[in-house]
Amino acid sequence: THIIFMAIETSPNKAMTVNDIYVWCETHFPYYTQAGVG
């Protein structure tokens, strides 16, 4: 939940779609681009 908060705080209007949060996490934490499902 902290990572989600970090993502939302970086957006200009303090709101993001789930997909935007997902992309933000992949961009800022490369682990999530390599992690498998589950």
N, C-alpha and C. Protein backbone atom coordinates (compact mmCIF):
# COMPACT_ATOMS: atom_id res chain seq x y z
N THR A 1 0.81 -1.20 0.00
CA THR A 1 0.00 0.00 0.00
C THR A 1 0.86 1.26 0.00
N HIS A 2 2.05 1.18 0.55
CA HIS A 2 2.94 2.35 0.56
C HIS A 2 3.36 2.71 -0.87
N ILE A 3 3.62 1.70 -1.68
CA ILE A 3 4.01 1.97 -3.07
C ILE A 3 2.87 2.64 -3.82
N ILE A 4 1.65 2.21 -3.57
CA ILE A 4 0.48 2.83 -4.21
C ILE A 4 0.39 4.29 -3.80
N PHE A 5 0.58 4.56 -2.52
CA PHE A 5 0.57 5.94 -2.03
C PHE A 5 1.64 6.77 -2.72
N MET A 6 2.84 6.22 -2.85
CA MET A 6 3.92 6.93 -3.51
C MET A 6 3.55 7.27 -4.95
N ALA A 7 2.96 6.33 -5.65
CA ALA A 7 2.56 6.57 -7.04
C ALA A 7 1.52 7.69 -7.12
N ILE A 8 0.51 7.61 -6.30
CA ILE A 8 -0.57 8.61 -6.33
C ILE A 8 -0.04 9.99 -5.97
N GLU A 9 0.87 10.05 -5.03
CA GLU A 9 1.44 11.34 -4.62
C GLU A 9 2.20 12.03 -5.75
N THR A 10 2.72 11.26 -6.70
CA THR A 10 3.48 11.85 -7.79
C THR A 10 2.60 12.39 -8.91
N SER A 11 1.34 12.02 -8.91
CA SER A 11 0.45 12.48 -9.99
C SER A 11 -0.02 13.91 -9.71
N PRO A 12 -0.16 14.71 -10.76
CA PRO A 12 -0.54 16.12 -10.57
C PRO A 12 -1.86 16.32 -9.84
N ASN A 13 -2.84 15.47 -10.12
CA ASN A 13 -4.16 15.65 -9.49
C ASN A 13 -4.40 14.69 -8.33
N LYS A 14 -3.34 14.01 -7.90
CA LYS A 14 -3.40 13.06 -6.77
C LYS A 14 -4.43 11.96 -6.99
N ALA A 15 -4.55 11.51 -8.24
CA ALA A 15 -5.45 10.41 -8.59
C ALA A 15 -4.85 9.65 -9.77
N MET A 16 -4.95 8.32 -9.74
CA MET A 16 -4.44 7.49 -10.83
C MET A 16 -5.37 6.31 -11.03
N THR A 17 -5.41 5.81 -12.26
CA THR A 17 -6.13 4.57 -12.51
C THR A 17 -5.26 3.41 -12.02
N VAL A 18 -5.87 2.26 -11.89
CA VAL A 18 -5.11 1.08 -11.47
C VAL A 18 -4.00 0.80 -12.47
N ASN A 19 -4.30 0.93 -13.75
CA ASN A 19 -3.28 0.70 -14.77
C ASN A 19 -2.14 1.70 -14.65
N ASP A 20 -2.45 2.96 -14.39
CA ASP A 20 -1.41 3.97 -14.21
C ASP A 20 -0.50 3.61 -13.04
N ILE A 21 -1.09 3.13 -11.96
CA ILE A 21 -0.31 2.73 -10.79
C ILE A 21 0.59 1.55 -11.14
N TYR A 22 0.05 0.60 -11.88
CA TYR A 22 0.81 -0.57 -12.32
C TYR A 22 2.02 -0.14 -13.15
N VAL A 23 1.80 0.74 -14.11
CA VAL A 23 2.88 1.22 -14.96
C VAL A 23 3.90 2.00 -14.14
N TRP A 24 3.44 2.83 -13.22
CA TRP A 24 4.34 3.59 -12.36
C TRP A 24 5.23 2.64 -11.56
N CYS A 25 4.64 1.61 -11.00
CA CYS A 25 5.41 0.64 -10.21
C CYS A 25 6.47 -0.05 -11.06
N GLU A 26 6.10 -0.44 -12.27
CA GLU A 26 7.07 -1.07 -13.16
C GLU A 26 8.20 -0.12 -13.53
N THR A 27 7.89 1.14 -13.69
CA THR A 27 8.89 2.13 -14.07
C THR A 27 9.85 2.43 -12.93
N HIS A 28 9.33 2.54 -11.72
CA HIS A 28 10.15 2.94 -10.58
C HIS A 28 10.74 1.77 -9.79
N PHE A 29 10.21 0.59 -9.98
CA PHE A 29 10.69 -0.60 -9.28
C PHE A 29 10.81 -1.74 -10.30
N PRO A 30 11.95 -1.84 -10.97
CA PRO A 30 12.13 -2.84 -12.04
C PRO A 30 11.83 -4.28 -11.62
N TYR A 31 11.88 -4.55 -10.33
CA TYR A 31 11.54 -5.89 -9.85
C TYR A 31 10.18 -6.33 -10.38
N TYR A 32 9.24 -5.41 -10.44
CA TYR A 32 7.88 -5.77 -10.83
C TYR A 32 7.74 -6.08 -12.31
N THR A 33 8.72 -5.71 -13.13
CA THR A 33 8.68 -6.08 -14.54
C THR A 33 9.17 -7.51 -14.72
N GLN A 34 9.93 -8.01 -13.76
CA GLN A 34 10.51 -9.34 -13.86
C GLN A 34 9.81 -10.36 -12.98
N ALA A 35 9.02 -9.91 -12.04
CA ALA A 35 8.35 -10.82 -11.11
C ALA A 35 7.25 -11.58 -11.83
N GLY A 36 7.11 -12.82 -11.51
CA GLY A 36 6.05 -13.63 -12.09
C GLY A 36 4.71 -13.36 -11.44
N VAL A 37 3.70 -13.97 -11.98
CA VAL A 37 2.35 -13.83 -11.43
C VAL A 37 2.22 -14.72 -10.21
N GLY A 38 1.51 -14.22 -9.20
CA GLY A 38 1.24 -15.07 -8.06
C GLY A 38 1.91 -14.63 -6.85
